[in-house]
């Protein structure tokens, strides 16, 4: 009985994180064309999804790398 409860709890947790993470991610994508901090919201959504999904973890790693390179290029272009 306890195993069934734990399994169900894990599935419900994964579902809730998936729904909330995708919602935040979609809001971030919408903010690419709307006024707002899309480049903050999208990584937050990916970070939330990365707690449960491997594909999101890999994508978040790529996004972090791109942000790091952009920040490095920005520092090098200062007059």
C-alpha atoms as a PDB file:
ATOM      1  CA  UNK A   1       0.000   0.000   0.000  1.00  0.00           C
ATOM      2  CA  UNK A   2       2.817   2.382   0.895  1.00  0.00           C
ATOM      3  CA  UNK A   3       4.582   1.678  -2.416  1.00  0.00           C
ATOM      4  CA  UNK A   4       1.453   2.561  -4.384  1.00  0.00           C
ATOM      5  CA  UNK A   5       1.094   5.810  -2.424  1.00  0.00           C
ATOM      6  CA  UNK A   6       4.745   6.774  -3.031  1.00  0.00           C
ATOM      7  CA  UNK A   7       4.472   5.955  -6.744  1.00  0.00           C
ATOM      8  CA  UNK A   8       1.293   8.023  -7.070  1.00  0.00           C
ATOM      9  CA  UNK A   9       2.807  10.912  -5.114  1.00  0.00           C
ATOM     10  CA  UNK A  10       5.862  10.943  -7.390  1.00  0.00           C
ATOM     11  CA  UNK A  11       3.676  10.969 -10.505  1.00  0.00           C
ATOM     12  CA  UNK A  12       1.488  13.777  -9.150  1.00  0.00           C
ATOM     13  CA  UNK A  13       4.572  15.809  -8.205  1.00  0.00           C
ATOM     14  CA  UNK A  14       6.034  15.298 -11.678  1.00  0.00           C
ATOM     15  CA  UNK A  15       2.745  16.339 -13.288  1.00  0.00           C
ATOM     16  CA  UNK A  16       2.474  19.504 -11.176  1.00  0.00           C
ATOM     17  CA  UNK A  17       6.073  20.485 -11.875  1.00  0.00           C
ATOM     18  CA  UNK A  18       5.517  19.819 -15.576  1.00  0.00           C
ATOM     19  CA  UNK A  19       2.390  21.959 -15.761  1.00  0.00           C
ATOM     20  CA  UNK A  20       3.858  24.856 -13.761  1.00  0.00           C
ATOM     21  CA  UNK A  21       7.210  24.667 -15.582  1.00  0.00           C
ATOM     22  CA  UNK A  22       5.616  24.626 -19.032  1.00  0.00           C
ATOM     23  CA  UNK A  23       3.343  27.505 -18.056  1.00  0.00           C
ATOM     24  CA  UNK A  24       6.304  29.613 -16.951  1.00  0.00           C
ATOM     25  CA  UNK A  25       8.225  28.623 -20.085  1.00  0.00           C
ATOM     26  CA  UNK A  26       5.310  29.573 -22.351  1.00  0.00           C
ATOM     27  CA  UNK A  27       4.950  32.914 -20.567  1.00  0.00           C
ATOM     28  CA  UNK A  28       8.666  33.499 -21.145  1.00  0.00           C
ATOM     29  CA  UNK A  29       8.309  32.683 -24.839  1.00  0.00           C
ATOM     30  CA  UNK A  30       5.374  35.091 -25.079  1.00  0.00           C
ATOM     31  CA  UNK A  31       7.524  37.745 -23.424  1.00  0.00           C
ATOM     32  CA  UNK A  32       9.952  37.521 -26.339  1.00  0.00           C
ATOM     33  CA  UNK A  33       7.459  39.571 -28.351  1.00  0.00           C
ATOM     34  CA  UNK A  34       5.673  41.274 -25.445  1.00  0.00           C
ATOM     35  CA  UNK A  35       7.313  43.743 -23.071  1.00  0.00           C
ATOM     36  CA  UNK A  36       8.831  41.872 -20.175  1.00  0.00           C
ATOM     37  CA  UNK A  37      11.879  39.996 -18.876  1.00  0.00           C
ATOM     38  CA  UNK A  38      11.782  36.978 -21.197  1.00  0.00           C
ATOM     39  CA  UNK A  39      15.469  36.233 -20.706  1.00  0.00           C
ATOM     40  CA  UNK A  40      14.856  35.798 -16.991  1.00  0.00           C
ATOM     41  CA  UNK A  41      11.542  33.935 -17.150  1.00  0.00           C
ATOM     42  CA  UNK A  42      12.609  31.308 -19.719  1.00  0.00           C
ATOM     43  CA  UNK A  43      15.590  30.015 -17.678  1.00  0.00           C
ATOM     44  CA  UNK A  44      13.397  29.926 -14.551  1.00  0.00           C
ATOM     45  CA  UNK A  45      10.870  27.738 -16.364  1.00  0.00           C
ATOM     46  CA  UNK A  46      13.632  25.500 -17.685  1.00  0.00           C
ATOM     47  CA  UNK A  47      15.208  25.240 -14.228  1.00  0.00           C
ATOM     48  CA  UNK A  48      11.907  24.109 -12.777  1.00  0.00           C
ATOM     49  CA  UNK A  49      11.411  21.559 -15.550  1.00  0.00           C
ATOM     50  CA  UNK A  50      15.033  20.393 -15.178  1.00  0.00           C
ATOM     51  CA  UNK A  51      14.238  19.093 -11.706  1.00  0.00           C
ATOM     52  CA  UNK A  52      12.159  16.322 -13.316  1.00  0.00           C
ATOM     53  CA  UNK A  53      13.070  16.073 -17.024  1.00  0.00           C
ATOM     54  CA  UNK A  54      16.451  15.251 -18.565  1.00  0.00           C
ATOM     55  CA  UNK A  55      15.709  17.099 -21.836  1.00  0.00           C
ATOM     56  CA  UNK A  56      15.100  20.308 -19.873  1.00  0.00           C
ATOM     57  CA  UNK A  57      18.347  19.820 -17.946  1.00  0.00           C
ATOM     58  CA  UNK A  58      20.285  19.561 -21.222  1.00  0.00           C
ATOM     59  CA  UNK A  59      18.521  22.592 -22.712  1.00  0.00           C
ATOM     60  CA  UNK A  60      19.125  24.618 -19.543  1.00  0.00           C
ATOM     61  CA  UNK A  61      22.824  23.776 -19.738  1.00  0.00           C
ATOM     62  CA  UNK A  62      22.935  25.095 -23.328  1.00  0.00           C
ATOM     63  CA  UNK A  63      21.052  28.262 -22.349  1.00  0.00           C
ATOM     64  CA  UNK A  64      23.434  28.871 -19.440  1.00  0.00           C
ATOM     65  CA  UNK A  65      26.389  28.497 -21.815  1.00  0.00           C
ATOM     66  CA  UNK A  66      24.904  30.971 -24.273  1.00  0.00           C
ATOM     67  CA  UNK A  67      24.174  33.484 -21.510  1.00  0.00           C
ATOM     68  CA  UNK A  68      27.722  33.107 -20.222  1.00  0.00           C
ATOM     69  CA  UNK A  69      29.177  33.701 -23.678  1.00  0.00           C
ATOM     70  CA  UNK A  70      26.916  36.718 -24.225  1.00  0.00           C
ATOM     71  CA  UNK A  71      27.974  38.237 -20.898  1.00  0.00           C
ATOM     72  CA  UNK A  72      31.638  37.600 -21.710  1.00  0.00           C
ATOM     73  CA  UNK A  73      31.257  39.250 -25.133  1.00  0.00           C
ATOM     74  CA  UNK A  74      29.468  42.199 -23.558  1.00  0.00           C
ATOM     75  CA  UNK A  75      32.323  42.730 -21.083  1.00  0.00           C
ATOM     76  CA  UNK A  76      34.905  42.606 -23.895  1.00  0.00           C
ATOM     77  CA  UNK A  77      33.031  45.221 -25.988  1.00  0.00           C
ATOM     78  CA  UNK A  78      33.040  47.932 -23.312  1.00  0.00           C
ATOM     79  CA  UNK A  79      34.873  51.073 -24.508  1.00  0.00           C
END
